[in-house]
Every structure is written in structure tokens, then in C-alpha cells.
Amino acid sequence: EGLDRDLSLVERMGLRVHLVYCDACTNFNGQMNLIRRAMRK
């Protein structure tokens, strides 16, 4: 959803807290960002 809209402050905070301790979701987030950058190019 963060790719399509601005997340609320609470949503962003929850996301960041989770990414601190979850390697799988950190990888997923990185993959989504990589795909987004590739599509823009």
C-alpha cells in the first residue's frame, strides 16, 4: 500500500518497528523497492 499511497504516521511507525526485528519482511521491503526503481527506469 505504501507504494500507492502515503502511509499514516502510525502505519509508518509500525512498519519500521517490525522491520527492525524481521529479516524476512526487511527483505520483502527491499525487493519491492528494487522492483519499483526498476520499473521507473
Full PDB file with SEQRES, HELIX, SHEET, SSBOND, CRYST1, ORIGX, SCALE, CONECT and MASTER records, all heavy atoms in Angstrom:
SEQRES   1 A   41  GLU GLY LEU ASP ARG ASP LEU SER LEU VAL GLU ARG MET          
SEQRES   2 A   41  GLY LEU ARG VAL HIS LEU VAL TYR CYS ASP ALA CYS THR          
SEQRES   3 A   41  ASN PHE ASN GLY GLN MET ASN LEU ILE ARG ARG ALA MET          
SEQRES   4 A   41  ARG LYS                                                      
HELIX    1 AA1 LEU A    9  TYR A   21  1                                  13    
HELIX    2 AA2 ASP A   23  ARG A   40  1                                  18    
CRYST1    1.000    1.000    1.000  90.00  90.00  90.00 P 1           1          
ORIGX1      1.000000  0.000000  0.000000        0.00000                         
ORIGX2      0.000000  1.000000  0.000000        0.00000                         
ORIGX3      0.000000  0.000000  1.000000        0.00000                         
SCALE1      1.000000  0.000000  0.000000        0.00000                         
SCALE2      0.000000  1.000000  0.000000        0.00000                         
SCALE3      0.000000  0.000000  1.000000        0.00000                         
ATOM      1  N   GLU A   1       0.825  -1.205   0.000  1.00  0.00           N  
ATOM      2  CA  GLU A   1       0.000   0.000   0.000  1.00  0.00           C  
ATOM      3  C   GLU A   1       0.858   1.253   0.000  1.00  0.00           C  
ATOM      4  O   GLU A   1       0.484   2.272  -0.583  1.00  0.00           O  
ATOM      5  CB  GLU A   1      -0.941   0.000   1.199  1.00  0.00           C  
ATOM      6  CG  GLU A   1      -2.097  -0.954   1.056  1.00  0.00           C  
ATOM      7  CD  GLU A   1      -3.093  -0.871   2.189  1.00  0.00           C  
ATOM      8  OE1 GLU A   1      -3.029   0.089   2.994  1.00  0.00           O  
ATOM      9  OE2 GLU A   1      -3.936  -1.766   2.282  1.00  0.00           O  
ATOM     10  N   GLY A   2       2.011   1.180   0.652  1.00  0.00           N  
ATOM     11  CA  GLY A   2       2.910   2.321   0.697  1.00  0.00           C  
ATOM     12  C   GLY A   2       3.457   2.712  -0.664  1.00  0.00           C  
ATOM     13  O   GLY A   2       3.932   3.834  -0.848  1.00  0.00           O  
ATOM     14  N   LEU A   3       3.386   1.815  -1.631  1.00  0.00           N  
ATOM     15  CA  LEU A   3       3.795   2.135  -2.986  1.00  0.00           C  
ATOM     16  C   LEU A   3       2.746   2.978  -3.698  1.00  0.00           C  
ATOM     17  O   LEU A   3       3.061   3.694  -4.648  1.00  0.00           O  
ATOM     18  CB  LEU A   3       4.044   0.850  -3.785  1.00  0.00           C  
ATOM     19  CG  LEU A   3       5.158  -0.054  -3.261  1.00  0.00           C  
ATOM     20  CD1 LEU A   3       5.188  -1.355  -4.062  1.00  0.00           C  
ATOM     21  CD2 LEU A   3       6.503   0.633  -3.302  1.00  0.00           C  
ATOM     22  N   ASP A   4       1.497   2.890  -3.245  1.00  0.00           N  
ATOM     23  CA  ASP A   4       0.393   3.572  -3.911  1.00  0.00           C  
ATOM     24  C   ASP A   4      -0.130   4.796  -3.168  1.00  0.00           C  
ATOM     25  O   ASP A   4      -0.801   5.633  -3.761  1.00  0.00           O  
ATOM     26  CB  ASP A   4      -0.779   2.600  -4.111  1.00  0.00           C  
ATOM     27  CG  ASP A   4      -0.420   1.425  -5.001  1.00  0.00           C  
ATOM     28  OD1 ASP A   4       0.381   1.620  -5.933  1.00  0.00           O  
ATOM     29  OD2 ASP A   4      -0.934   0.324  -4.764  1.00  0.00           O  
ATOM     30  N   ARG A   5       0.146   4.869  -1.879  1.00  0.00           N  
ATOM     31  CA  ARG A   5      -0.370   5.993  -1.093  1.00  0.00           C  
ATOM     32  C   ARG A   5       0.590   6.295   0.051  1.00  0.00           C  
ATOM     33  O   ARG A   5       1.452   5.488   0.379  1.00  0.00           O  
ATOM     34  CB  ARG A   5      -1.755   5.681  -0.528  1.00  0.00           C  
ATOM     35  CG  ARG A   5      -1.759   4.571   0.523  1.00  0.00           C  
ATOM     36  CD  ARG A   5      -3.134   4.417   1.182  1.00  0.00           C  
ATOM     37  NE  ARG A   5      -3.163   3.322   2.125  1.00  0.00           N  
ATOM     38  CZ  ARG A   5      -2.818   3.417   3.409  1.00  0.00           C  
ATOM     39  NH1 ARG A   5      -2.399   4.569   3.898  1.00  0.00           N  
ATOM     40  NH2 ARG A   5      -2.883   2.366   4.215  1.00  0.00           N  
ATOM     41  N   ASP A   6       0.442   7.478   0.621  1.00  0.00           N  
ATOM     42  CA  ASP A   6       1.231   7.832   1.798  1.00  0.00           C  
ATOM     43  C   ASP A   6       0.651   7.119   3.007  1.00  0.00           C  
ATOM     44  O   ASP A   6      -0.556   7.188   3.260  1.00  0.00           O  
ATOM     45  CB  ASP A   6       1.194   9.345   2.034  1.00  0.00           C  
ATOM     46  CG  ASP A   6       1.953  10.118   0.967  1.00  0.00           C  
ATOM     47  OD1 ASP A   6       2.887   9.535   0.381  1.00  0.00           O  
ATOM     48  OD2 ASP A   6       1.626  11.286   0.736  1.00  0.00           O  
ATOM     49  N   LEU A   7       1.506   6.418   3.735  1.00  0.00           N  
ATOM     50  CA  LEU A   7       1.058   5.745   4.950  1.00  0.00           C  
ATOM     51  C   LEU A   7       0.940   6.760   6.077  1.00  0.00           C  
ATOM     52  O   LEU A   7       1.668   7.756   6.111  1.00  0.00           O  
ATOM     53  CB  LEU A   7       2.052   4.649   5.347  1.00  0.00           C  
ATOM     54  CG  LEU A   7       2.261   3.513   4.347  1.00  0.00           C  
ATOM     55  CD1 LEU A   7       3.307   2.533   4.876  1.00  0.00           C  
ATOM     56  CD2 LEU A   7       0.961   2.793   4.051  1.00  0.00           C  
ATOM     57  N   SER A   8       0.039   6.482   7.011  1.00  0.00           N  
ATOM     58  CA  SER A   8      -0.115   7.353   8.172  1.00  0.00           C  
ATOM     59  C   SER A   8       1.110   7.224   9.068  1.00  0.00           C  
ATOM     60  O   SER A   8       1.914   6.285   8.930  1.00  0.00           O  
ATOM     61  CB  SER A   8      -1.376   6.979   8.963  1.00  0.00           C  
ATOM     62  OG  SER A   8      -1.170   5.730   9.618  1.00  0.00           O  
ATOM     63  N   LEU A   9       1.253   8.128   9.995  1.00  0.00           N  
ATOM     64  CA  LEU A   9       2.365   8.094  10.935  1.00  0.00           C  
ATOM     65  C   LEU A   9       2.372   6.780  11.718  1.00  0.00           C  
ATOM     66  O   LEU A   9       3.411   6.144  11.871  1.00  0.00           O  
ATOM     67  CB  LEU A   9       2.297   9.286  11.894  1.00  0.00           C  
ATOM     68  CG  LEU A   9       3.372   9.334  12.971  1.00  0.00           C  
ATOM     69  CD1 LEU A   9       4.752   9.435  12.352  1.00  0.00           C  
ATOM     70  CD2 LEU A   9       3.119  10.490  13.924  1.00  0.00           C  
ATOM     71  N   VAL A  10       1.212   6.355  12.188  1.00  0.00           N  
ATOM     72  CA  VAL A  10       1.111   5.104  12.949  1.00  0.00           C  
ATOM     73  C   VAL A  10       1.494   3.913  12.080  1.00  0.00           C  
ATOM     74  O   VAL A  10       2.208   3.010  12.522  1.00  0.00           O  
ATOM     75  CB  VAL A  10      -0.308   4.942  13.537  1.00  0.00           C  
ATOM     76  CG1 VAL A  10      -0.485   3.577  14.177  1.00  0.00           C  
ATOM     77  CG2 VAL A  10      -0.601   6.043  14.533  1.00  0.00           C  
ATOM     78  N   GLU A  11       1.054   3.909  10.823  1.00  0.00           N  
ATOM     79  CA  GLU A  11       1.398   2.817   9.911  1.00  0.00           C  
ATOM     80  C   GLU A  11       2.907   2.779   9.659  1.00  0.00           C  
ATOM     81  O   GLU A  11       3.518   1.714   9.681  1.00  0.00           O  
ATOM     82  CB  GLU A  11       0.655   2.970   8.585  1.00  0.00           C  
ATOM     83  CG  GLU A  11      -0.831   2.690   8.680  1.00  0.00           C  
ATOM     84  CD  GLU A  11      -1.581   3.043   7.425  1.00  0.00           C  
ATOM     85  OE1 GLU A  11      -1.226   4.043   6.747  1.00  0.00           O  
ATOM     86  OE2 GLU A  11      -2.544   2.319   7.099  1.00  0.00           O  
ATOM     87  N   ARG A  12       3.506   3.946   9.414  1.00  0.00           N  
ATOM     88  CA  ARG A  12       4.952   4.005   9.178  1.00  0.00           C  
ATOM     89  C   ARG A  12       5.736   3.548  10.398  1.00  0.00           C  
ATOM     90  O   ARG A  12       6.730   2.823  10.274  1.00  0.00           O  
ATOM     91  CB  ARG A  12       5.378   5.422   8.787  1.00  0.00           C  
ATOM     92  CG  ARG A  12       4.928   5.844   7.401  1.00  0.00           C  
ATOM     93  CD  ARG A  12       5.591   7.120   6.923  1.00  0.00           C  
ATOM     94  NE  ARG A  12       5.652   8.194   7.896  1.00  0.00           N  
ATOM     95  CZ  ARG A  12       4.744   9.147   8.052  1.00  0.00           C  
ATOM     96  NH1 ARG A  12       3.673   9.165   7.278  1.00  0.00           N  
ATOM     97  NH2 ARG A  12       4.898  10.088   8.961  1.00  0.00           N  
ATOM     98  N   MET A  13       5.292   3.948  11.576  1.00  0.00           N  
ATOM     99  CA  MET A  13       5.981   3.546  12.802  1.00  0.00           C  
ATOM    100  C   MET A  13       5.888   2.037  13.004  1.00  0.00           C  
ATOM    101  O   MET A  13       6.878   1.386  13.334  1.00  0.00           O  
ATOM    102  CB  MET A  13       5.394   4.285  14.005  1.00  0.00           C  
ATOM    103  CG  MET A  13       5.773   5.743  14.054  1.00  0.00           C  
ATOM    104  SD  MET A  13       4.978   6.647  15.403  1.00  0.00           S  
ATOM    105  CE  MET A  13       5.476   5.715  16.814  1.00  0.00           C  
ATOM    106  N   GLY A  14       4.699   1.472  12.801  1.00  0.00           N  
ATOM    107  CA  GLY A  14       4.523   0.037  12.933  1.00  0.00           C  
ATOM    108  C   GLY A  14       5.385  -0.727  11.949  1.00  0.00           C  
ATOM    109  O   GLY A  14       5.993  -1.748  12.284  1.00  0.00           O  
ATOM    110  N   LEU A  15       5.460  -0.223  10.735  1.00  0.00           N  
ATOM    111  CA  LEU A  15       6.285  -0.837   9.700  1.00  0.00           C  
ATOM    112  C   LEU A  15       7.755  -0.819  10.109  1.00  0.00           C  
ATOM    113  O   LEU A  15       8.443  -1.844  10.057  1.00  0.00           O  
ATOM    114  CB  LEU A  15       6.081  -0.088   8.384  1.00  0.00           C  
ATOM    115  CG  LEU A  15       6.876  -0.532   7.176  1.00  0.00           C  
ATOM    116  CD1 LEU A  15       6.539  -1.954   6.784  1.00  0.00           C  
ATOM    117  CD2 LEU A  15       6.623   0.406   6.012  1.00  0.00           C  
ATOM    118  N   ARG A  16       8.231   0.326  10.550  1.00  0.00           N  
ATOM    119  CA  ARG A  16       9.646   0.450  10.939  1.00  0.00           C  
ATOM    120  C   ARG A  16       9.995  -0.434  12.128  1.00  0.00           C  
ATOM    121  O   ARG A  16      11.051  -1.066  12.151  1.00  0.00           O  
ATOM    122  CB  ARG A  16       9.971   1.908  11.254  1.00  0.00           C  
ATOM    123  CG  ARG A  16      10.043   2.750  10.012  1.00  0.00           C  
ATOM    124  CD  ARG A  16      10.437   4.155  10.327  1.00  0.00           C  
ATOM    125  NE  ARG A  16      10.430   4.962   9.110  1.00  0.00           N  
ATOM    126  CZ  ARG A  16      10.596   6.252   9.084  1.00  0.00           C  
ATOM    127  NH1 ARG A  16      10.792   6.912  10.209  1.00  0.00           N  
ATOM    128  NH2 ARG A  16      10.577   6.914   7.950  1.00  0.00           N  
ATOM    129  N   VAL A  17       9.109  -0.480  13.115  1.00  0.00           N  
ATOM    130  CA  VAL A  17       9.362  -1.331  14.287  1.00  0.00           C  
ATOM    131  C   VAL A  17       9.465  -2.787  13.860  1.00  0.00           C  
ATOM    132  O   VAL A  17      10.377  -3.508  14.274  1.00  0.00           O  
ATOM    133  CB  VAL A  17       8.253  -1.144  15.359  1.00  0.00           C  
ATOM    134  CG1 VAL A  17       8.323  -2.227  16.416  1.00  0.00           C  
ATOM    135  CG2 VAL A  17       8.347   0.242  15.984  1.00  0.00           C  
ATOM    136  N   HIS A  18       8.558  -3.223  13.018  1.00  0.00           N  
ATOM    137  CA  HIS A  18       8.563  -4.615  12.570  1.00  0.00           C  
ATOM    138  C   HIS A  18       9.829  -4.927  11.774  1.00  0.00           C  
ATOM    139  O   HIS A  18      10.435  -5.987  11.944  1.00  0.00           O  
ATOM    140  CB  HIS A  18       7.315  -4.902  11.729  1.00  0.00           C  
ATOM    141  CG  HIS A  18       7.158  -6.342  11.355  1.00  0.00           C  
ATOM    142  ND1 HIS A  18       6.463  -7.243  12.123  1.00  0.00           N  
ATOM    143  CD2 HIS A  18       7.614  -7.044  10.281  1.00  0.00           C  
ATOM    144  CE1 HIS A  18       6.486  -8.428  11.549  1.00  0.00           C  
ATOM    145  NE2 HIS A  18       7.185  -8.338  10.425  1.00  0.00           N  
ATOM    146  N   LEU A  19      10.243  -4.005  10.908  1.00  0.00           N  
ATOM    147  CA  LEU A  19      11.412  -4.244  10.065  1.00  0.00           C  
ATOM    148  C   LEU A  19      12.700  -4.340  10.876  1.00  0.00           C  
ATOM    149  O   LEU A  19      13.668  -4.952  10.425  1.00  0.00           O  
ATOM    150  CB  LEU A  19      11.537  -3.159   8.990  1.00  0.00           C  
ATOM    151  CG  LEU A  19      10.425  -3.133   7.934  1.00  0.00           C  
ATOM    152  CD1 LEU A  19      10.654  -1.998   6.946  1.00  0.00           C  
ATOM    153  CD2 LEU A  19      10.287  -4.455   7.215  1.00  0.00           C  
ATOM    154  N   VAL A  20      12.707  -3.769  12.070  1.00  0.00           N  
ATOM    155  CA  VAL A  20      13.891  -3.852  12.927  1.00  0.00           C  
ATOM    156  C   VAL A  20      14.189  -5.296  13.314  1.00  0.00           C  
ATOM    157  O   VAL A  20      15.348  -5.708  13.365  1.00  0.00           O  
ATOM    158  CB  VAL A  20      13.721  -2.977  14.192  1.00  0.00           C  
ATOM    159  CG1 VAL A  20      14.756  -3.297  15.243  1.00  0.00           C  
ATOM    160  CG2 VAL A  20      13.765  -1.503  13.823  1.00  0.00           C  
ATOM    161  N   TYR A  21      13.154  -6.074  13.554  1.00  0.00           N  
ATOM    162  CA  TYR A  21      13.378  -7.431  14.052  1.00  0.00           C  
ATOM    163  C   TYR A  21      13.002  -8.541  13.071  1.00  0.00           C  
ATOM    164  O   TYR A  21      13.240  -9.717  13.353  1.00  0.00           O  
ATOM    165  CB  TYR A  21      12.669  -7.663  15.391  1.00  0.00           C  
ATOM    166  CG  TYR A  21      11.159  -7.595  15.337  1.00  0.00           C  
ATOM    167  CD1 TYR A  21      10.413  -8.700  14.964  1.00  0.00           C  
ATOM    168  CD2 TYR A  21      10.486  -6.424  15.676  1.00  0.00           C  
ATOM    169  CE1 TYR A  21       9.029  -8.650  14.918  1.00  0.00           C  
ATOM    170  CE2 TYR A  21       9.100  -6.371  15.636  1.00  0.00           C  
ATOM    171  CZ  TYR A  21       8.391  -7.478  15.257  1.00  0.00           C  
ATOM    172  OH  TYR A  21       7.023  -7.413  15.202  1.00  0.00           O  
ATOM    173  N   CYS A  22      12.463  -8.225  11.925  1.00  0.00           N  
ATOM    174  CA  CYS A  22      12.035  -9.272  10.993  1.00  0.00           C  
ATOM    175  C   CYS A  22      12.837  -9.195   9.691  1.00  0.00           C  
ATOM    176  O   CYS A  22      12.596  -8.326   8.848  1.00  0.00           O  
ATOM    177  CB  CYS A  22      10.540  -9.154  10.708  1.00  0.00           C  
ATOM    178  SG  CYS A  22       9.929 -10.481   9.632  1.00  0.00           S  
ATOM    179  N   ASP A  23      13.776 -10.119   9.542  1.00  0.00           N  
ATOM    180  CA  ASP A  23      14.612 -10.144   8.336  1.00  0.00           C  
ATOM    181  C   ASP A  23      13.806 -10.455   7.078  1.00  0.00           C  
ATOM    182  O   ASP A  23      14.086  -9.906   6.010  1.00  0.00           O  
ATOM    183  CB  ASP A  23      15.733 -11.170   8.480  1.00  0.00           C  
ATOM    184  CG  ASP A  23      16.766 -10.765   9.516  1.00  0.00           C  
ATOM    185  OD1 ASP A  23      16.889  -9.558   9.808  1.00  0.00           O  
ATOM    186  OD2 ASP A  23      17.450 -11.660  10.050  1.00  0.00           O  
ATOM    187  N   ALA A  24      12.811 -11.324   7.189  1.00  0.00           N  
ATOM    188  CA  ALA A  24      12.015 -11.705   6.015  1.00  0.00           C  
ATOM    189  C   ALA A  24      11.267 -10.495   5.456  1.00  0.00           C  
ATOM    190  O   ALA A  24      11.262 -10.260   4.239  1.00  0.00           O  
ATOM    191  CB  ALA A  24      11.042 -12.822   6.363  1.00  0.00           C  
ATOM    192  N   CYS A  25      10.658  -9.718   6.328  1.00  0.00           N  
ATOM    193  CA  CYS A  25       9.918  -8.539   5.868  1.00  0.00           C  
ATOM    194  C   CYS A  25      10.861  -7.440   5.395  1.00  0.00           C  
ATOM    195  O   CYS A  25      10.543  -6.691   4.471  1.00  0.00           O  
ATOM    196  CB  CYS A  25       8.989  -8.035   6.964  1.00  0.00           C  
ATOM    197  SG  CYS A  25       7.570  -9.128   7.227  1.00  0.00           S  
ATOM    198  N   THR A  26      12.038  -7.354   6.013  1.00  0.00           N  
ATOM    199  CA  THR A  26      13.044  -6.400   5.555  1.00  0.00           C  
ATOM    200  C   THR A  26      13.470  -6.753   4.136  1.00  0.00           C  
ATOM    201  O   THR A  26      13.594  -5.867   3.276  1.00  0.00           O  
ATOM    202  CB  THR A  26      14.254  -6.401   6.505  1.00  0.00           C  
ATOM    203  OG1 THR A  26      13.813  -6.021   7.804  1.00  0.00           O  
ATOM    204  CG2 THR A  26      15.332  -5.442   6.037  1.00  0.00           C  
ATOM    205  N   ASN A  27      13.661  -8.044   3.864  1.00  0.00           N  
ATOM    206  CA  ASN A  27      13.991  -8.487   2.504  1.00  0.00           C  
ATOM    207  C   ASN A  27      12.857  -8.181   1.534  1.00  0.00           C  
ATOM    208  O   ASN A  27      13.090  -7.724   0.412  1.00  0.00           O  
ATOM    209  CB  ASN A  27      14.322  -9.977   2.485  1.00  0.00           C  
ATOM    210  CG  ASN A  27      15.643 -10.283   3.147  1.00  0.00           C  
ATOM    211  OD1 ASN A  27      16.524  -9.437   3.243  1.00  0.00           O  
ATOM    212  ND2 ASN A  27      15.788 -11.508   3.627  1.00  0.00           N  
ATOM    213  N   PHE A  28      11.617  -8.452   1.954  1.00  0.00           N  
ATOM    214  CA  PHE A  28      10.455  -8.175   1.103  1.00  0.00           C  
ATOM    215  C   PHE A  28      10.386  -6.685   0.770  1.00  0.00           C  
ATOM    216  O   PHE A  28      10.175  -6.306  -0.389  1.00  0.00           O  
ATOM    217  CB  PHE A  28       9.171  -8.627   1.799  1.00  0.00           C  
ATOM    218  CG  PHE A  28       7.922  -8.316   1.015  1.00  0.00           C  
ATOM    219  CD1 PHE A  28       7.568  -9.079  -0.076  1.00  0.00           C  
ATOM    220  CD2 PHE A  28       7.102  -7.250   1.373  1.00  0.00           C  
ATOM    221  CE1 PHE A  28       6.420  -8.795  -0.805  1.00  0.00           C  
ATOM    222  CE2 PHE A  28       5.958  -6.966   0.661  1.00  0.00           C  
ATOM    223  CZ  PHE A  28       5.618  -7.738  -0.434  1.00  0.00           C  
ATOM    224  N   ASN A  29      10.577  -5.841   1.758  1.00  0.00           N  
ATOM    225  CA  ASN A  29      10.552  -4.398   1.557  1.00  0.00           C  
ATOM    226  C   ASN A  29      11.640  -3.981   0.560  1.00  0.00           C  
ATOM    227  O   ASN A  29      11.390  -3.187  -0.348  1.00  0.00           O  
ATOM    228  CB  ASN A  29      10.738  -3.682   2.896  1.00  0.00           C  
ATOM    229  CG  ASN A  29      10.566  -2.200   2.788  1.00  0.00           C  
ATOM    230  OD1 ASN A  29       9.622  -1.703   2.184  1.00  0.00           O  
ATOM    231  ND2 ASN A  29      11.490  -1.469   3.392  1.00  0.00           N  
ATOM    232  N   GLY A  30      12.829  -4.540   0.717  1.00  0.00           N  
ATOM    233  CA  GLY A  30      13.917  -4.232  -0.213  1.00  0.00           C  
ATOM    234  C   GLY A  30      13.614  -4.684  -1.628  1.00  0.00           C  
ATOM    235  O   GLY A  30      13.902  -3.964  -2.596  1.00  0.00           O  
ATOM    236  N   GLN A  31      13.017  -5.863  -1.764  1.00  0.00           N  
ATOM    237  CA  GLN A  31      12.658  -6.372  -3.085  1.00  0.00           C  
ATOM    238  C   GLN A  31      11.602  -5.493  -3.755  1.00  0.00           C  
ATOM    239  O   GLN A  31      11.689  -5.202  -4.949  1.00  0.00           O  
ATOM    240  CB  GLN A  31      12.161  -7.811  -2.980  1.00  0.00           C  
ATOM    241  CG  GLN A  31      13.244  -8.794  -2.608  1.00  0.00           C  
ATOM    242  CD  GLN A  31      12.692 -10.146  -2.198  1.00  0.00           C  
ATOM    243  OE1 GLN A  31      11.508 -10.317  -1.968  1.00  0.00           O  
ATOM    244  NE2 GLN A  31      13.584 -11.121  -2.093  1.00  0.00           N  
ATOM    245  N   MET A  32      10.628  -5.064  -2.983  1.00  0.00           N  
ATOM    246  CA  MET A  32       9.581  -4.199  -3.541  1.00  0.00           C  
ATOM    247  C   MET A  32      10.172  -2.857  -3.983  1.00  0.00           C  
ATOM    248  O   MET A  32       9.806  -2.336  -5.038  1.00  0.00           O  
ATOM    249  CB  MET A  32       8.461  -3.988  -2.527  1.00  0.00           C  
ATOM    250  CG  MET A  32       7.671  -5.249  -2.221  1.00  0.00           C  
ATOM    251  SD  MET A  32       6.877  -5.976  -3.678  1.00  0.00           S  
ATOM    252  CE  MET A  32       5.563  -4.807  -3.930  1.00  0.00           C  
ATOM    253  N   ASN A  33      11.080  -2.325  -3.200  1.00  0.00           N  
ATOM    254  CA  ASN A  33      11.728  -1.062  -3.577  1.00  0.00           C  
ATOM    255  C   ASN A  33      12.589  -1.236  -4.821  1.00  0.00           C  
ATOM    256  O   ASN A  33      12.626  -0.352  -5.689  1.00  0.00           O  
ATOM    257  CB  ASN A  33      12.550  -0.505  -2.413  1.00  0.00           C  
ATOM    258  CG  ASN A  33      11.675   0.093  -1.343  1.00  0.00           C  
ATOM    259  OD1 ASN A  33      10.635   0.682  -1.623  1.00  0.00           O  
ATOM    260  ND2 ASN A  33      12.082  -0.056  -0.100  1.00  0.00           N  
ATOM    261  N   LEU A  34      13.274  -2.372  -4.935  1.00  0.00           N  
ATOM    262  CA  LEU A  34      14.080  -2.649  -6.120  1.00  0.00           C  
ATOM    263  C   LEU A  34      13.198  -2.734  -7.364  1.00  0.00           C  
ATOM    264  O   LEU A  34      13.520  -2.150  -8.411  1.00  0.00           O  
ATOM    265  CB  LEU A  34      14.851  -3.957  -5.932  1.00  0.00           C  
ATOM    266  CG  LEU A  34      15.680  -4.424  -7.125  1.00  0.00           C  
ATOM    267  CD1 LEU A  34      16.848  -3.478  -7.357  1.00  0.00           C  
ATOM    268  CD2 LEU A  34      16.181  -5.841  -6.898  1.00  0.00           C  
ATOM    269  N   ILE A  35      12.084  -3.433  -7.260  1.00  0.00           N  
ATOM    270  CA  ILE A  35      11.151  -3.546  -8.391  1.00  0.00           C  
ATOM    271  C   ILE A  35      10.619  -2.173  -8.768  1.00  0.00           C  
ATOM    272  O   ILE A  35      10.537  -1.824  -9.948  1.00  0.00           O  
ATOM    273  CB  ILE A  35      10.000  -4.511  -8.053  1.00  0.00           C  
ATOM    274  CG1 ILE A  35      10.536  -5.937  -7.951  1.00  0.00           C  
ATOM    275  CG2 ILE A  35       8.870  -4.419  -9.075  1.00  0.00           C  
ATOM    276  CD1 ILE A  35       9.551  -6.933  -7.351  1.00  0.00           C  
ATOM    277  N   ARG A  36      10.296  -1.367  -7.781  1.00  0.00           N  
ATOM    278  CA  ARG A  36       9.768  -0.023  -8.045  1.00  0.00           C  
ATOM    279  C   ARG A  36      10.800   0.827  -8.792  1.00  0.00           C  
ATOM    280  O   ARG A  36      10.477   1.495  -9.769  1.00  0.00           O  
ATOM    281  CB  ARG A  36       9.387   0.641  -6.720  1.00  0.00           C  
ATOM    282  CG  ARG A  36       8.808   2.014  -6.899  1.00  0.00           C  
ATOM    283  CD  ARG A  36       8.476   2.601  -5.560  1.00  0.00           C  
ATOM    284  NE  ARG A  36       7.387   3.536  -5.717  1.00  0.00           N  
ATOM    285  CZ  ARG A  36       6.893   4.252  -4.761  1.00  0.00           C  
ATOM    286  NH1 ARG A  36       7.350   4.134  -3.541  1.00  0.00           N  
ATOM    287  NH2 ARG A  36       5.915   5.089  -4.983  1.00  0.00           N  
ATOM    288  N   ARG A  37      12.051   0.786  -8.336  1.00  0.00           N  
ATOM    289  CA  ARG A  37      13.101   1.563  -9.006  1.00  0.00           C  
ATOM    290  C   ARG A  37      13.325   1.063 -10.433  1.00  0.00           C  
ATOM    291  O   ARG A  37      13.511   1.856 -11.360  1.00  0.00           O  
ATOM    292  CB  ARG A  37      14.407   1.501  -8.209  1.00  0.00           C  
ATOM    293  CG  ARG A  37      14.378   2.323  -6.942  1.00  0.00           C  
ATOM    294  CD  ARG A  37      15.761   2.481  -6.311  1.00  0.00           C  
ATOM    295  NE  ARG A  37      16.503   1.240  -6.160  1.00  0.00           N  
ATOM    296  CZ  ARG A  37      16.438   0.428  -5.107  1.00  0.00           C  
ATOM    297  NH1 ARG A  37      15.659   0.736  -4.077  1.00  0.00           N  
ATOM    298  NH2 ARG A  37      17.166  -0.672  -5.055  1.00  0.00           N  
ATOM    299  N   ALA A  38      13.299  -0.253 -10.623  1.00  0.00           N  
ATOM    300  CA  ALA A  38      13.493  -0.822 -11.956  1.00  0.00           C  
ATOM    301  C   ALA A  38      12.368  -0.412 -12.897  1.00  0.00           C  
ATOM    302  O   ALA A  38      12.623  -0.078 -14.066  1.00  0.00           O  
ATOM    303  CB  ALA A  38      13.585  -2.346 -11.868  1.00  0.00           C  
ATOM    304  N   MET A  39      11.145  -0.428 -12.404  1.00  0.00           N  
ATOM    305  CA  MET A  39      10.003  -0.046 -13.239  1.00  0.00           C  
ATOM    306  C   MET A  39      10.082   1.422 -13.647  1.00  0.00           C  
ATOM    307  O   MET A  39       9.725   1.787 -14.760  1.00  0.00           O  
ATOM    308  CB  MET A  39       8.683  -0.321 -12.510  1.00  0.00           C  
ATOM    309  CG  MET A  39       8.399  -1.792 -12.293  1.00  0.00           C  
ATOM    310  SD  MET A  39       8.262  -2.728 -13.829  1.00  0.00           S  
ATOM    311  CE  MET A  39       6.749  -2.051 -14.488  1.00  0.00           C  
ATOM    312  N   ARG A  40      10.570   2.258 -12.745  1.00  0.00           N  
ATOM    313  CA  ARG A  40      10.699   3.687 -13.071  1.00  0.00           C  
ATOM    314  C   ARG A  40      11.749   3.922 -14.152  1.00  0.00           C  
ATOM    315  O   ARG A  40      11.661   4.882 -14.904  1.00  0.00           O  
ATOM    316  CB  ARG A  40      11.055   4.483 -11.821  1.00  0.00           C  
ATOM    317  CG  ARG A  40       9.900   4.654 -10.888  1.00  0.00           C  
ATOM    318  CD  ARG A  40      10.298   5.488  -9.707  1.00  0.00           C  
ATOM    319  NE  ARG A  40       9.133   5.762  -8.870  1.00  0.00           N  
ATOM    320  CZ  ARG A  40       9.191   6.223  -7.655  1.00  0.00           C  
ATOM    321  NH1 ARG A  40      10.357   6.481  -7.088  1.00  0.00           N  
ATOM    322  NH2 ARG A  40       8.094   6.438  -6.966  1.00  0.00           N  
ATOM    323  N   LYS A  41      12.745   3.045 -14.234  1.00  0.00           N  
ATOM    324  CA  LYS A  41      13.815   3.213 -15.212  1.00  0.00           C  
ATOM    325  C   LYS A  41      13.472   2.617 -16.567  1.00  0.00           C  
ATOM    326  O   LYS A  41      14.163   2.886 -17.546  1.00  0.00           O  
ATOM    327  CB  LYS A  41      15.102   2.571 -14.689  1.00  0.00           C  
ATOM    328  CG  LYS A  41      15.719   3.348 -13.550  1.00  0.00           C  
ATOM    329  CD  LYS A  41      17.022   2.721 -13.115  1.00  0.00           C  
ATOM    330  CE  LYS A  41      17.634   3.525 -11.983  1.00  0.00           C  
ATOM    331  NZ  LYS A  41      18.933   2.981 -11.564  1.00  0.00           N  
TER     332      LYS A  41                                                      
MASTER        0    0    0    2    0    0    0    6  331    1    0    4          
END                                                                             
